[in-house]
Amino acid sequence: MTYHDGSIYKGDWDKERKKHGKGIYTFPDGRKYDGEFQNDKMTGKCTLTWPNEDEYVGQCVEGQRHGEGTFTLSDGQKYEGDFENNKKHGQGTLTFPNGSTWVGNFKDDKPDGMGECRNPKESSVQTATAEECENMVSFGSILFYLTSLLYSSSNVFCVWYQCAIPKRASIPIERFCALSQAWVG
């Protein structure tokens, strides 16, 4: 069925002509809901897709991400965990495009507090905020290569960090240096 606004529904109906059962609803802007309907509402197991190829697979309540799910962004970032009212909320795992992960608590769609940061190239686990984890990770092999070369003098490493990447850093230099030393130690 095609609606006046350009949205399209293909799927099951109940006796009262309400969407009920499995169906696909395509919004005028190209977003798509593929999943379960209950009494004309997008509620149950679902897959939501966006024109930019972002995708959510999990539980929906009235068309919103709610319950457990996985939200994969087109840039390669992925969140697996709890959602509440269309926001990341509760326990979850954030995977960065380079494969590093941060496991912790989320509140109102944002990481909340400290969590466990893992780098796929290392077996160690660091306690850090998601922002610290992403910043450490975003320097990739350059950071790990340089820290291994300059490990004997942490001051040299920190001077290199301050001079080379002052605007990229959003965490205190002392915290970054402490995390980097633990990471390669």
N, C-alpha and C. Protein backbone atom coordinates (compact mmCIF):
# COMPACT_ATOMS: atom_id res chain seq x y z
N MET A 1 0.84 -1.16 0.00
CA MET A 1 0.00 0.00 0.00
C MET A 1 0.90 1.24 0.00
N THR A 2 0.59 2.20 -0.86
CA THR A 2 1.31 3.47 -0.92
C THR A 2 0.44 4.56 -0.30
N TYR A 3 1.04 5.32 0.61
CA TYR A 3 0.33 6.40 1.31
C TYR A 3 0.54 7.74 0.60
N HIS A 4 -0.27 8.73 0.96
CA HIS A 4 -0.21 10.06 0.35
C HIS A 4 1.15 10.73 0.50
N ASP A 5 1.86 10.46 1.60
CA ASP A 5 3.16 11.09 1.82
C ASP A 5 4.30 10.39 1.09
N GLY A 6 3.98 9.30 0.37
CA GLY A 6 4.99 8.56 -0.37
C GLY A 6 5.52 7.34 0.34
N SER A 7 5.14 7.13 1.60
CA SER A 7 5.57 5.94 2.33
C SER A 7 4.85 4.72 1.77
N ILE A 8 5.49 3.56 1.94
CA ILE A 8 4.95 2.32 1.37
C ILE A 8 4.96 1.24 2.44
N TYR A 9 3.86 0.48 2.51
CA TYR A 9 3.80 -0.68 3.42
C TYR A 9 3.49 -1.92 2.61
N LYS A 10 4.30 -2.98 2.84
CA LYS A 10 4.04 -4.30 2.27
C LYS A 10 4.10 -5.28 3.41
N GLY A 11 3.01 -5.99 3.66
CA GLY A 11 3.05 -6.94 4.75
C GLY A 11 1.68 -7.41 5.18
N ASP A 12 1.62 -7.96 6.39
CA ASP A 12 0.40 -8.56 6.93
C ASP A 12 -0.53 -7.52 7.52
N TRP A 13 -1.82 -7.84 7.47
CA TRP A 13 -2.88 -6.99 8.02
C TRP A 13 -3.76 -7.84 8.92
N ASP A 14 -4.42 -7.23 9.89
CA ASP A 14 -5.40 -7.98 10.68
C ASP A 14 -6.80 -7.73 10.07
N LYS A 15 -7.82 -8.24 10.73
CA LYS A 15 -9.19 -8.13 10.22
C LYS A 15 -9.67 -6.69 10.12
N GLU A 16 -9.13 -5.84 10.96
CA GLU A 16 -9.54 -4.43 10.99
C GLU A 16 -8.68 -3.55 10.08
N ARG A 17 -7.89 -4.18 9.20
CA ARG A 17 -6.99 -3.49 8.28
C ARG A 17 -5.90 -2.69 8.98
N LYS A 18 -5.43 -3.21 10.12
CA LYS A 18 -4.28 -2.63 10.80
C LYS A 18 -3.06 -3.48 10.47
N LYS A 19 -1.92 -2.83 10.36
CA LYS A 19 -0.68 -3.56 10.13
C LYS A 19 -0.45 -4.46 11.35
N HIS A 20 -0.32 -5.76 11.11
CA HIS A 20 -0.17 -6.71 12.21
C HIS A 20 0.50 -7.97 11.66
N GLY A 21 1.64 -8.35 12.27
CA GLY A 21 2.42 -9.48 11.77
C GLY A 21 3.73 -8.96 11.21
N LYS A 22 4.20 -9.55 10.12
CA LYS A 22 5.47 -9.12 9.52
C LYS A 22 5.20 -8.18 8.36
N GLY A 23 6.09 -7.18 8.24
CA GLY A 23 5.93 -6.23 7.15
C GLY A 23 7.15 -5.36 6.96
N ILE A 24 7.12 -4.62 5.85
CA ILE A 24 8.18 -3.67 5.53
C ILE A 24 7.53 -2.32 5.29
N TYR A 25 8.00 -1.32 6.03
CA TYR A 25 7.48 0.04 5.88
C TYR A 25 8.64 0.91 5.42
N THR A 26 8.46 1.55 4.25
CA THR A 26 9.49 2.44 3.71
C THR A 26 9.01 3.88 3.86
N PHE A 27 9.81 4.69 4.53
CA PHE A 27 9.48 6.10 4.76
C PHE A 27 9.80 6.93 3.52
N PRO A 28 9.18 8.09 3.39
CA PRO A 28 9.45 8.94 2.21
C PRO A 28 10.93 9.34 2.06
N ASP A 29 11.66 9.43 3.18
CA ASP A 29 13.07 9.84 3.10
C ASP A 29 14.02 8.67 2.82
N GLY A 30 13.48 7.47 2.61
CA GLY A 30 14.29 6.31 2.27
C GLY A 30 14.61 5.38 3.42
N ARG A 31 14.32 5.79 4.67
CA ARG A 31 14.51 4.88 5.80
C ARG A 31 13.54 3.71 5.64
N LYS A 32 13.94 2.57 6.23
CA LYS A 32 13.10 1.38 6.08
C LYS A 32 13.02 0.62 7.41
N TYR A 33 11.80 0.20 7.76
CA TYR A 33 11.55 -0.66 8.91
C TYR A 33 11.12 -2.01 8.35
N ASP A 34 11.85 -3.06 8.69
CA ASP A 34 11.53 -4.42 8.25
C ASP A 34 11.39 -5.26 9.51
N GLY A 35 10.16 -5.63 9.86
CA GLY A 35 10.00 -6.37 11.10
C GLY A 35 8.56 -6.64 11.46
N GLU A 36 8.33 -6.73 12.75
CA GLU A 36 7.01 -7.08 13.28
C GLU A 36 6.18 -5.83 13.56
N PHE A 37 4.89 -6.01 13.35
CA PHE A 37 3.90 -4.97 13.66
C PHE A 37 2.89 -5.55 14.63
N GLN A 38 2.43 -4.71 15.58
CA GLN A 38 1.38 -5.10 16.51
C GLN A 38 0.38 -3.95 16.58
N ASN A 39 -0.86 -4.23 16.18
CA ASN A 39 -1.92 -3.21 16.21
C ASN A 39 -1.51 -1.90 15.54
N ASP A 40 -0.98 -2.01 14.33
CA ASP A 40 -0.60 -0.86 13.52
C ASP A 40 0.68 -0.18 13.98
N LYS A 41 1.37 -0.72 14.97
CA LYS A 41 2.60 -0.11 15.49
C LYS A 41 3.81 -0.98 15.16
N MET A 42 4.94 -0.33 14.90
CA MET A 42 6.20 -1.02 14.60
C MET A 42 6.80 -1.50 15.92
N THR A 43 6.40 -2.69 16.35
CA THR A 43 6.81 -3.21 17.65
C THR A 43 7.18 -4.68 17.53
N GLY A 44 8.39 -5.03 18.00
CA GLY A 44 8.87 -6.41 17.97
C GLY A 44 10.28 -6.47 17.40
N LYS A 45 10.66 -7.62 16.89
CA LYS A 45 11.97 -7.77 16.27
C LYS A 45 11.97 -6.96 14.98
N CYS A 46 13.09 -6.25 14.73
CA CYS A 46 13.10 -5.38 13.56
C CYS A 46 14.50 -5.16 13.03
N THR A 47 14.54 -4.68 11.80
CA THR A 47 15.75 -4.17 11.18
C THR A 47 15.39 -2.79 10.64
N LEU A 48 16.13 -1.78 11.08
CA LEU A 48 15.95 -0.43 10.58
C LEU A 48 17.15 -0.09 9.71
N THR A 49 16.91 0.45 8.53
CA THR A 49 18.01 0.85 7.66
C THR A 49 17.81 2.30 7.22
N TRP A 50 18.93 2.97 6.98
CA TRP A 50 18.92 4.36 6.55
C TRP A 50 19.55 4.44 5.16
N PRO A 51 19.25 5.49 4.40
CA PRO A 51 19.83 5.63 3.06
C PRO A 51 21.36 5.63 3.05
N ASN A 52 22.00 6.10 4.13
CA ASN A 52 23.47 6.12 4.19
C ASN A 52 24.07 4.77 4.58
N GLU A 53 23.23 3.74 4.69
CA GLU A 53 23.59 2.35 5.02
C GLU A 53 23.83 2.08 6.49
N ASP A 54 23.48 3.03 7.40
CA ASP A 54 23.44 2.71 8.82
C ASP A 54 22.37 1.64 9.00
N GLU A 55 22.57 0.75 10.00
CA GLU A 55 21.59 -0.33 10.21
C GLU A 55 21.47 -0.69 11.69
N TYR A 56 20.23 -0.88 12.11
CA TYR A 56 19.94 -1.34 13.47
C TYR A 56 19.20 -2.67 13.35
N VAL A 57 19.64 -3.66 14.13
CA VAL A 57 18.97 -4.96 14.19
C VAL A 57 18.71 -5.25 15.66
N GLY A 58 17.46 -5.45 16.02
CA GLY A 58 17.15 -5.72 17.42
C GLY A 58 15.68 -5.56 17.73
N GLN A 59 15.39 -5.06 18.92
CA GLN A 59 14.02 -4.87 19.38
C GLN A 59 13.58 -3.42 19.14
N CYS A 60 12.32 -3.27 18.73
CA CYS A 60 11.72 -1.95 18.54
C CYS A 60 10.42 -1.87 19.30
N VAL A 61 10.09 -0.68 19.78
CA VAL A 61 8.80 -0.41 20.40
C VAL A 61 8.28 0.88 19.75
N GLU A 62 7.18 0.75 19.07
CA GLU A 62 6.55 1.87 18.35
C GLU A 62 7.55 2.59 17.44
N GLY A 63 8.34 1.81 16.72
CA GLY A 63 9.26 2.35 15.73
C GLY A 63 10.58 2.86 16.28
N GLN A 64 10.78 2.77 17.57
CA GLN A 64 12.03 3.23 18.18
C GLN A 64 12.88 2.06 18.64
N ARG A 65 14.20 2.24 18.61
CA ARG A 65 15.11 1.22 19.15
C ARG A 65 14.86 1.16 20.65
N HIS A 66 14.52 -0.04 21.13
CA HIS A 66 14.21 -0.20 22.55
C HIS A 66 14.40 -1.67 22.91
N GLY A 67 15.31 -1.94 23.85
CA GLY A 67 15.66 -3.32 24.20
C GLY A 67 17.06 -3.59 23.69
N GLU A 68 17.38 -4.86 23.47
CA GLU A 68 18.71 -5.23 22.99
C GLU A 68 18.79 -5.08 21.48
N GLY A 69 19.95 -4.59 21.03
CA GLY A 69 20.13 -4.45 19.59
C GLY A 69 21.56 -4.13 19.22
N THR A 70 21.80 -4.11 17.90
CA THR A 70 23.10 -3.77 17.34
C THR A 70 22.89 -2.67 16.32
N PHE A 71 23.61 -1.56 16.49
CA PHE A 71 23.51 -0.42 15.59
C PHE A 71 24.86 -0.25 14.91
N THR A 72 24.92 -0.48 13.60
CA THR A 72 26.14 -0.39 12.83
C THR A 72 26.09 0.84 11.95
N LEU A 73 27.08 1.71 12.09
CA LEU A 73 27.13 2.93 11.28
C LEU A 73 27.92 2.67 10.00
N SER A 74 27.63 3.46 9.00
CA SER A 74 28.29 3.28 7.70
C SER A 74 29.80 3.52 7.78
N ASP A 75 30.29 4.24 8.80
CA ASP A 75 31.74 4.47 8.94
C ASP A 75 32.46 3.29 9.60
N GLY A 76 31.72 2.24 9.97
CA GLY A 76 32.33 1.06 10.56
C GLY A 76 32.20 0.98 12.08
N GLN A 77 31.75 2.05 12.73
CA GLN A 77 31.54 2.00 14.18
C GLN A 77 30.29 1.17 14.46
N LYS A 78 30.35 0.41 15.57
CA LYS A 78 29.22 -0.46 15.92
C LYS A 78 28.97 -0.42 17.41
N TYR A 79 27.68 -0.39 17.79
CA TYR A 79 27.28 -0.47 19.19
C TYR A 79 26.40 -1.69 19.34
N GLU A 80 26.73 -2.54 20.33
CA GLU A 80 25.91 -3.70 20.67
C GLU A 80 25.53 -3.57 22.13
N GLY A 81 24.23 -3.56 22.42
CA GLY A 81 23.83 -3.44 23.81
C GLY A 81 22.40 -3.00 23.96
N ASP A 82 22.14 -2.32 25.06
CA ASP A 82 20.78 -1.91 25.43
C ASP A 82 20.43 -0.55 24.85
N PHE A 83 19.15 -0.44 24.46
CA PHE A 83 18.58 0.82 23.99
C PHE A 83 17.35 1.12 24.81
N GLU A 84 17.09 2.41 24.99
CA GLU A 84 15.88 2.86 25.67
C GLU A 84 15.41 4.13 24.96
N ASN A 85 14.16 4.11 24.48
CA ASN A 85 13.59 5.28 23.79
C ASN A 85 14.50 5.81 22.69
N ASN A 86 15.00 4.91 21.86
CA ASN A 86 15.79 5.25 20.68
C ASN A 86 17.22 5.70 21.00
N LYS A 87 17.68 5.52 22.25
CA LYS A 87 19.02 5.94 22.65
C LYS A 87 19.78 4.76 23.25
N LYS A 88 21.11 4.79 23.08
CA LYS A 88 21.96 3.81 23.77
C LYS A 88 21.82 4.09 25.26
N HIS A 89 21.46 3.06 26.02
CA HIS A 89 21.21 3.28 27.45
C HIS A 89 21.34 1.94 28.17
N GLY A 90 22.30 1.85 29.10
CA GLY A 90 22.56 0.60 29.82
C GLY A 90 23.91 0.04 29.39
N GLN A 91 24.10 -1.24 29.57
CA GLN A 91 25.37 -1.90 29.25
C GLN A 91 25.52 -2.06 27.74
N GLY A 92 26.74 -1.80 27.24
CA GLY A 92 26.97 -1.96 25.81
C GLY A 92 28.44 -2.03 25.45
N THR A 93 28.68 -2.42 24.20
CA THR A 93 30.02 -2.51 23.65
C THR A 93 30.09 -1.62 22.42
N LEU A 94 31.04 -0.70 22.41
CA LEU A 94 31.26 0.19 21.29
C LEU A 94 32.51 -0.28 20.57
N THR A 95 32.37 -0.62 19.28
CA THR A 95 33.51 -1.05 18.48
C THR A 95 33.86 0.07 17.51
N PHE A 96 35.11 0.50 17.55
CA PHE A 96 35.58 1.57 16.67
C PHE A 96 35.94 1.00 15.31
N PRO A 97 35.99 1.83 14.27
CA PRO A 97 36.28 1.33 12.92
C PRO A 97 37.56 0.51 12.79
N ASN A 98 38.56 0.75 13.65
CA ASN A 98 39.80 -0.03 13.55
C ASN A 98 39.75 -1.33 14.34
N GLY A 99 38.62 -1.65 14.98
CA GLY A 99 38.47 -2.90 15.69
C GLY A 99 38.64 -2.83 17.19
N SER A 100 39.12 -1.72 17.72
CA SER A 100 39.23 -1.58 19.18
C SER A 100 37.84 -1.45 19.78
N THR A 101 37.70 -1.91 21.03
CA THR A 101 36.38 -1.89 21.67
C THR A 101 36.44 -1.21 23.03
N TRP A 102 35.30 -0.64 23.39
CA TRP A 102 35.10 -0.08 24.72
C TRP A 102 33.83 -0.70 25.27
N VAL A 103 33.92 -1.34 26.43
CA VAL A 103 32.77 -1.97 27.08
C VAL A 103 32.45 -1.20 28.34
N GLY A 104 31.20 -0.75 28.46
CA GLY A 104 30.83 0.02 29.63
C GLY A 104 29.36 0.39 29.63
N ASN A 105 29.04 1.40 30.42
CA ASN A 105 27.66 1.83 30.58
C ASN A 105 27.38 3.04 29.69
N PHE A 106 26.15 3.11 29.19
CA PHE A 106 25.71 4.21 28.35
C PHE A 106 24.50 4.86 29.00
N LYS A 107 24.40 6.18 28.84
CA LYS A 107 23.28 6.92 29.39
C LYS A 107 22.92 8.02 28.39
N ASP A 108 21.65 8.10 28.03
CA ASP A 108 21.18 9.12 27.09
C ASP A 108 22.01 9.17 25.81
N ASP A 109 22.32 8.00 25.26
CA ASP A 109 22.99 7.86 23.97
C ASP A 109 24.50 8.10 24.01
N LYS A 110 25.08 8.26 25.22
CA LYS A 110 26.51 8.54 25.33
C LYS A 110 27.16 7.59 26.34
N PRO A 111 28.46 7.27 26.11
CA PRO A 111 29.17 6.48 27.11
C PRO A 111 29.18 7.22 28.44
N ASP A 112 29.06 6.47 29.52
CA ASP A 112 28.95 7.07 30.85
C ASP A 112 30.02 6.48 31.77
N GLY A 113 31.06 7.26 32.05
CA GLY A 113 32.09 6.83 32.99
C GLY A 113 33.17 5.99 32.37
N MET A 114 33.82 5.21 33.23
CA MET A 114 34.96 4.38 32.83
C MET A 114 34.46 3.02 32.33
N GLY A 115 35.25 2.42 31.47
CA GLY A 115 34.94 1.09 30.96
C GLY A 115 36.23 0.38 30.60
N GLU A 116 36.09 -0.76 29.93
CA GLU A 116 37.25 -1.54 29.51
C GLU A 116 37.56 -1.25 28.05
N CYS A 117 38.79 -0.86 27.79
CA CYS A 117 39.25 -0.56 26.44
C CYS A 117 40.18 -1.67 25.98
N ARG A 118 39.88 -2.24 24.81
CA ARG A 118 40.72 -3.32 24.26
C ARG A 118 41.16 -2.92 22.85
N ASN A 119 42.44 -3.18 22.59
CA ASN A 119 42.98 -2.95 21.26
C ASN A 119 43.15 -4.31 20.60
N PRO A 120 42.71 -4.50 19.35
CA PRO A 120 42.82 -5.81 18.72
C PRO A 120 44.26 -6.28 18.50
N LYS A 121 45.21 -5.33 18.54
CA LYS A 121 46.62 -5.69 18.32
C LYS A 121 47.31 -6.09 19.62
N GLU A 122 46.67 -5.84 20.75
CA GLU A 122 47.27 -6.11 22.05
C GLU A 122 46.33 -7.01 22.85
N SER A 123 46.88 -7.75 23.79
CA SER A 123 46.04 -8.60 24.63
C SER A 123 45.64 -7.90 25.92
N SER A 124 46.20 -6.73 26.18
CA SER A 124 45.91 -6.05 27.44
C SER A 124 44.57 -5.33 27.40
N VAL A 125 44.03 -5.09 28.58
CA VAL A 125 42.78 -4.34 28.74
C VAL A 125 43.10 -3.13 29.61
N GLN A 126 42.63 -1.95 29.20
CA GLN A 126 42.86 -0.73 29.96
C GLN A 126 41.53 -0.19 30.47
N THR A 127 41.54 0.41 31.65
CA THR A 127 40.38 1.12 32.16
C THR A 127 40.47 2.54 31.64
N ALA A 128 39.45 2.98 30.93
CA ALA A 128 39.46 4.31 30.32
C ALA A 128 38.04 4.73 29.99
N THR A 129 37.86 6.02 29.73
CA THR A 129 36.57 6.47 29.19
C THR A 129 36.54 6.10 27.72
N ALA A 130 35.36 6.11 27.12
CA ALA A 130 35.26 5.79 25.69
C ALA A 130 36.03 6.81 24.86
N GLU A 131 36.00 8.06 25.26
CA GLU A 131 36.74 9.10 24.53
C GLU A 131 38.24 8.84 24.58
N GLU A 132 38.75 8.47 25.76
CA GLU A 132 40.16 8.15 25.88
C GLU A 132 40.50 6.94 25.01
N CYS A 133 39.64 5.95 25.04
CA CYS A 133 39.86 4.74 24.26
C CYS A 133 39.90 5.08 22.77
N GLU A 134 38.96 5.87 22.32
CA GLU A 134 38.92 6.24 20.90
C GLU A 134 40.14 7.07 20.53
N ASN A 135 40.55 7.99 21.40
CA ASN A 135 41.73 8.81 21.11
C ASN A 135 43.00 7.98 21.07
N MET A 136 43.15 7.05 22.00
CA MET A 136 44.33 6.19 21.98
C MET A 136 44.35 5.37 20.71
N VAL A 137 43.22 4.85 20.37
CA VAL A 137 43.07 3.97 19.23
C VAL A 137 43.23 4.73 17.93
N SER A 138 42.75 5.96 17.88
CA SER A 138 42.75 6.69 16.62
C SER A 138 44.15 6.96 16.08
N PHE A 139 45.18 6.88 16.92
CA PHE A 139 46.54 7.06 16.45
C PHE A 139 47.09 5.77 15.85
N GLY A 140 46.39 4.68 16.07
CA GLY A 140 46.71 3.40 15.45
C GLY A 140 48.13 2.94 15.64
N SER A 141 48.68 2.33 14.58
CA SER A 141 50.01 1.72 14.68
C SER A 141 51.10 2.75 14.91
N ILE A 142 50.89 4.01 14.53
CA ILE A 142 51.91 5.03 14.75
C ILE A 142 52.16 5.18 16.24
N LEU A 143 51.11 5.32 17.02
CA LEU A 143 51.27 5.48 18.46
C LEU A 143 51.96 4.27 19.07
N PHE A 144 51.52 3.08 18.72
CA PHE A 144 52.11 1.90 19.33
C PHE A 144 53.55 1.70 18.87
N TYR A 145 53.83 2.03 17.64
CA TYR A 145 55.20 1.92 17.16
C TYR A 145 56.09 2.92 17.89
N LEU A 146 55.68 4.18 17.97
CA LEU A 146 56.48 5.19 18.63
C LEU A 146 56.62 4.93 20.12
N THR A 147 55.57 4.47 20.78
CA THR A 147 55.68 4.22 22.21
C THR A 147 56.67 3.09 22.47
N SER A 148 56.73 2.13 21.57
CA SER A 148 57.70 1.06 21.81
C SER A 148 59.12 1.57 21.58
N LEU A 149 59.32 2.51 20.66
CA LEU A 149 60.65 3.08 20.44
C LEU A 149 61.06 4.02 21.57
N LEU A 150 60.10 4.77 22.10
CA LEU A 150 60.40 5.79 23.09
C LEU A 150 60.04 5.37 24.52
N TYR A 151 59.78 4.12 24.70
CA TYR A 151 59.33 3.65 26.00
C TYR A 151 60.32 3.95 27.11
N SER A 152 61.62 3.99 26.81
CA SER A 152 62.61 4.22 27.86
C SER A 152 62.52 5.62 28.46
N SER A 153 61.90 6.55 27.75
CA SER A 153 61.76 7.89 28.28
C SER A 153 60.34 8.38 28.08
N SER A 154 59.52 8.22 29.08
CA SER A 154 58.12 8.63 28.94
C SER A 154 58.00 10.13 28.71
N ASN A 155 58.96 10.93 29.22
CA ASN A 155 58.91 12.37 28.98
C ASN A 155 59.05 12.68 27.50
N VAL A 156 59.94 11.98 26.82
CA VAL A 156 60.12 12.19 25.38
C VAL A 156 58.82 11.86 24.67
N PHE A 157 58.22 10.76 25.05
CA PHE A 157 56.96 10.37 24.41
C PHE A 157 55.90 11.43 24.62
N CYS A 158 55.78 11.94 25.84
CA CYS A 158 54.75 12.93 26.12
C CYS A 158 55.04 14.24 25.41
N VAL A 159 56.31 14.62 25.30
CA VAL A 159 56.66 15.83 24.54
C VAL A 159 56.26 15.62 23.09
N TRP A 160 56.58 14.44 22.53
CA TRP A 160 56.18 14.16 21.14
C TRP A 160 54.68 14.29 20.99
N TYR A 161 53.94 13.74 21.93
CA TYR A 161 52.49 13.79 21.86
C TYR A 161 51.98 15.23 21.92
N GLN A 162 52.52 16.04 22.83
CA GLN A 162 52.08 17.42 22.96
C GLN A 162 52.40 18.22 21.71
N CYS A 163 53.57 18.03 21.15
CA CYS A 163 53.97 18.82 19.99
C CYS A 163 53.28 18.36 18.71
N ALA A 164 53.15 17.07 18.55
CA ALA A 164 52.64 16.54 17.28
C ALA A 164 51.13 16.59 17.17
N ILE A 165 50.42 16.43 18.27
CA ILE A 165 48.98 16.28 18.16
C ILE A 165 48.25 17.09 19.23
N PRO A 166 48.52 18.37 19.39
CA PRO A 166 47.88 19.10 20.48
C PRO A 166 46.38 19.26 20.32
N LYS A 167 45.89 19.48 19.11
CA LYS A 167 44.46 19.74 18.93
C LYS A 167 43.64 18.45 18.92
N ARG A 168 44.24 17.35 18.57
CA ARG A 168 43.54 16.06 18.48
C ARG A 168 43.20 15.54 19.87
N ALA A 169 44.02 15.90 20.85
CA ALA A 169 43.85 15.37 22.19
C ALA A 169 42.74 16.12 22.92
N SER A 170 41.85 15.38 23.51
CA SER A 170 40.80 16.00 24.31
C SER A 170 40.84 15.47 25.74
N ILE A 171 41.93 14.80 26.08
CA ILE A 171 42.12 14.30 27.45
C ILE A 171 43.39 14.93 27.99
N PRO A 172 43.52 15.06 29.31
CA PRO A 172 44.75 15.63 29.87
C PRO A 172 45.97 14.82 29.45
N ILE A 173 47.04 15.50 29.15
CA ILE A 173 48.27 14.85 28.70
C ILE A 173 48.75 13.82 29.72
N GLU A 174 48.66 14.15 31.01
CA GLU A 174 49.13 13.22 32.05
C GLU A 174 48.35 11.90 31.98
N ARG A 175 47.04 12.01 31.77
CA ARG A 175 46.19 10.80 31.69
C ARG A 175 46.56 9.99 30.45
N PHE A 176 46.78 10.70 29.33
CA PHE A 176 47.14 10.01 28.10
C PHE A 176 48.46 9.27 28.26
N CYS A 177 49.45 9.95 28.84
CA CYS A 177 50.77 9.33 29.02
C CYS A 177 50.68 8.12 29.95
N ALA A 178 49.91 8.24 31.01
CA ALA A 178 49.75 7.11 31.94
C ALA A 178 49.09 5.94 31.23
N LEU A 179 48.06 6.23 30.43
CA LEU A 179 47.39 5.15 29.70
C LEU A 179 48.31 4.52 28.68
N SER A 180 49.09 5.36 27.95
CA SER A 180 49.96 4.81 26.92
C SER A 180 51.08 3.96 27.51
N GLN A 181 51.62 4.38 28.64
CA GLN A 181 52.68 3.59 29.28
C GLN A 181 52.13 2.25 29.72
N ALA A 182 50.93 2.25 30.29
CA ALA A 182 50.32 0.98 30.71
C ALA A 182 50.04 0.10 29.51
N TRP A 183 49.65 0.74 28.40
CA TRP A 183 49.27 -0.01 27.20
C TRP A 183 50.46 -0.79 26.64
N VAL A 184 51.63 -0.14 26.59
CA VAL A 184 52.79 -0.83 26.01
C VAL A 184 53.61 -1.57 27.06
N GLY A 185 53.34 -1.29 28.34
CA GLY A 185 54.11 -1.91 29.41
C GLY A 185 53.78 -3.33 29.53
